[in-house]
């Protein structure tokens, strides 16, 4: 990523940066949720096999 000067940093550029950050955050949250769900389902399957 290139470093921009303050003068060249337009509001649209900053807006794009914030939207990208929020998108990344949302993606990470979704991934974490998926992993948690997978772990939960895996443990449930193991419990079912044990019983």
Protein backbone atom coordinates (compact mmCIF):
# COMPACT_ATOMS: atom_id res chain seq x y z
CA UNK A 1 0.00 0.00 0.00
CA UNK A 2 1.33 3.41 -0.96
CA UNK A 3 1.63 6.23 1.54
CA UNK A 4 -0.34 9.30 0.48
CA UNK A 5 0.25 12.91 1.44
CA UNK A 6 -2.38 14.69 3.50
CA UNK A 7 -3.19 17.01 0.61
CA UNK A 8 -3.93 14.18 -1.86
CA UNK A 9 -6.06 12.21 0.62
CA UNK A 10 -9.56 13.03 -0.60
CA UNK A 11 -12.72 12.37 1.46
CA UNK A 12 -13.80 9.70 -1.05
CA UNK A 13 -10.48 7.91 -0.54
CA UNK A 14 -10.91 8.04 3.23
CA UNK A 15 -14.50 6.80 2.88
CA UNK A 16 -13.28 3.87 0.78
CA UNK A 17 -10.67 3.07 3.43
CA UNK A 18 -13.29 3.02 6.21
CA UNK A 19 -15.67 0.87 4.14
CA UNK A 20 -12.84 -1.57 3.38
CA UNK A 21 -11.98 -1.76 7.09
CA UNK A 22 -15.61 -2.43 8.05
CA UNK A 23 -15.88 -5.06 5.31
CA UNK A 24 -12.74 -6.79 6.59
CA UNK A 25 -14.09 -6.67 10.15
CA UNK A 26 -17.42 -8.12 9.03
CA UNK A 27 -15.62 -10.88 7.09
CA UNK A 28 -13.48 -11.79 10.10
CA UNK A 29 -16.61 -11.91 12.28
CA UNK A 30 -18.35 -14.20 9.77
CA UNK A 31 -15.31 -16.49 9.60
CA UNK A 32 -15.11 -16.65 13.39
CA UNK A 33 -18.84 -17.47 13.57
CA UNK A 34 -18.40 -20.24 10.98
CA UNK A 35 -15.47 -21.74 12.90
CA UNK A 36 -17.43 -21.60 16.17
CA UNK A 37 -20.44 -23.24 14.53
CA UNK A 38 -18.24 -25.98 13.06
CA UNK A 39 -16.63 -26.65 16.45
CA UNK A 40 -20.04 -26.74 18.14
CA UNK A 41 -21.49 -29.17 15.56
CA UNK A 42 -18.35 -31.35 15.81
CA UNK A 43 -18.59 -31.54 19.62
CA UNK A 44 -22.33 -32.33 19.36
CA UNK A 45 -21.55 -35.18 16.94
CA UNK A 46 -18.90 -36.56 19.33
CA UNK A 47 -21.34 -36.35 22.26
CA UNK A 48 -23.96 -38.19 20.20
CA UNK A 49 -21.46 -40.94 19.40
CA UNK A 50 -20.47 -41.25 23.07
CA UNK A 51 -24.07 -41.56 24.32
